[in-house]
Amino acid sequence: MKKLSVVVAGTGQIRDVEIQPGTSSGDILHQLNLQDYLLSKGPNEPFFAAAESVYDKVKDGEKVYASTKAEVGTAQVEALEARDAICA
C-alpha cells in the first residue's frame, strides 16, 4: 500500500488516501467524491486517464493534484476523453 495526499484545486484541501496496486485515477477520485475532477502529479503535469493505474507512477507519501475539468480547459478534456476511449 502507498499513501498519497491529494491537493484539491481551488479549495485549499489536502485529502489523504491509501492505494493498492492496480488503483486507478478514477478509483481515487471516486473514493474522494471528486468525480468531476482530473488527477495529475503536478500543476504542469499531464493528467492521468480515469482508467490508468497510478500505483507504479507515484511514490509513497507523494502529493498529487485534483483539478476540475473547467480549470483544465475543454481541449484538454476532449483529448483525455479520447485517450480514455482508446485505453478502454
Protein backbone atom coordinates (compact mmCIF):
# COMPACT_ATOMS: atom_id res chain seq x y z
CA MET A 1 0.00 0.00 0.00
CA LYS A 2 1.02 3.59 -0.59
CA LYS A 3 -0.28 6.77 0.99
CA LEU A 4 -0.97 9.82 -1.17
CA SER A 5 -2.01 13.36 -0.34
CA VAL A 6 -4.49 14.73 -2.87
CA VAL A 7 -4.42 18.52 -3.20
CA VAL A 8 -7.89 19.64 -4.31
CA ALA A 9 -7.58 22.69 -6.59
CA GLY A 10 -9.40 25.82 -5.51
CA THR A 11 -10.36 24.50 -2.07
CA GLY A 12 -7.17 24.51 -0.04
CA GLN A 13 -7.98 20.93 0.98
CA ILE A 14 -5.41 18.17 1.15
CA ARG A 15 -7.03 14.74 1.47
CA ASP A 16 -5.08 11.61 2.33
CA VAL A 17 -5.77 8.26 0.66
CA GLU A 18 -4.21 4.81 0.65
CA ILE A 19 -3.89 2.98 -2.65
CA GLN A 20 -3.09 -0.59 -3.66
CA PRO A 21 -1.53 -1.98 -6.84
CA GLY A 22 -3.97 -1.50 -9.71
CA THR A 23 -5.69 1.54 -8.19
CA SER A 24 -6.73 3.88 -11.00
CA SER A 25 -7.00 7.64 -11.07
CA GLY A 26 -10.77 7.19 -11.33
CA ASP A 27 -10.78 4.96 -8.23
CA ILE A 28 -9.03 7.65 -6.20
CA LEU A 29 -11.34 10.41 -7.41
CA HIS A 30 -14.42 8.26 -6.76
CA GLN A 31 -13.22 7.43 -3.24
CA LEU A 32 -12.86 11.16 -2.53
CA ASN A 33 -16.20 12.00 -4.21
CA LEU A 34 -14.37 14.10 -6.82
CA GLN A 35 -15.86 12.55 -9.97
CA ASP A 36 -15.77 15.87 -11.86
CA TYR A 37 -12.02 16.22 -11.32
CA LEU A 38 -8.88 15.02 -13.10
CA LEU A 39 -5.75 13.80 -11.33
CA SER A 40 -2.13 14.72 -12.09
CA LYS A 41 1.29 14.66 -10.44
CA GLY A 42 1.52 18.45 -10.50
CA PRO A 43 0.04 21.68 -11.82
CA ASN A 44 2.08 21.50 -15.04
CA GLU A 45 1.97 17.72 -15.47
CA PRO A 46 -0.26 15.71 -17.80
CA PHE A 47 -3.42 14.22 -16.34
CA PHE A 48 -3.88 10.53 -15.65
CA ALA A 49 -6.60 8.81 -17.66
CA ALA A 50 -9.51 7.70 -15.47
CA ALA A 51 -8.74 4.00 -16.04
CA GLU A 52 -4.97 4.44 -15.71
CA SER A 53 -3.28 2.66 -12.81
CA VAL A 54 -1.30 5.20 -10.81
CA TYR A 55 0.30 2.89 -8.23
CA ASP A 56 3.59 2.41 -10.09
CA LYS A 57 3.69 6.06 -11.16
CA VAL A 58 3.67 7.62 -7.69
CA LYS A 59 5.85 7.34 -4.59
CA ASP A 60 4.61 6.59 -1.10
CA GLY A 61 3.78 9.90 0.60
CA GLU A 62 3.68 11.87 -2.67
CA LYS A 63 1.29 14.75 -3.33
CA VAL A 64 -0.97 14.53 -6.39
CA TYR A 65 -3.35 17.18 -7.64
CA ALA A 66 -7.07 17.07 -8.42
CA SER A 67 -8.32 19.79 -10.78
CA THR A 68 -11.79 20.38 -12.17
CA LYS A 69 -12.42 19.97 -15.88
CA ALA A 70 -13.27 23.68 -16.08
CA GLU A 71 -9.80 24.54 -14.78
CA VAL A 72 -8.18 22.19 -17.28
CA GLY A 73 -9.93 23.51 -20.38
CA THR A 74 -12.17 21.96 -22.97
CA ALA A 75 -9.49 20.95 -25.48
CA GLN A 76 -7.51 19.03 -22.87
CA VAL A 77 -10.64 17.30 -21.57
CA GLU A 78 -11.59 16.18 -25.07
CA ALA A 79 -8.08 14.81 -25.61
CA LEU A 80 -8.25 12.92 -22.30
CA GLU A 81 -11.68 11.51 -23.08
CA ALA A 82 -10.41 10.31 -26.46
CA ARG A 83 -7.42 8.70 -24.72
CA ASP A 84 -9.75 7.02 -22.20
CA ALA A 85 -11.87 5.63 -25.04
CA ILE A 86 -8.80 4.18 -26.73
CA CYS A 87 -7.49 2.67 -23.49
CA ALA A 88 -10.84 1.11 -22.54
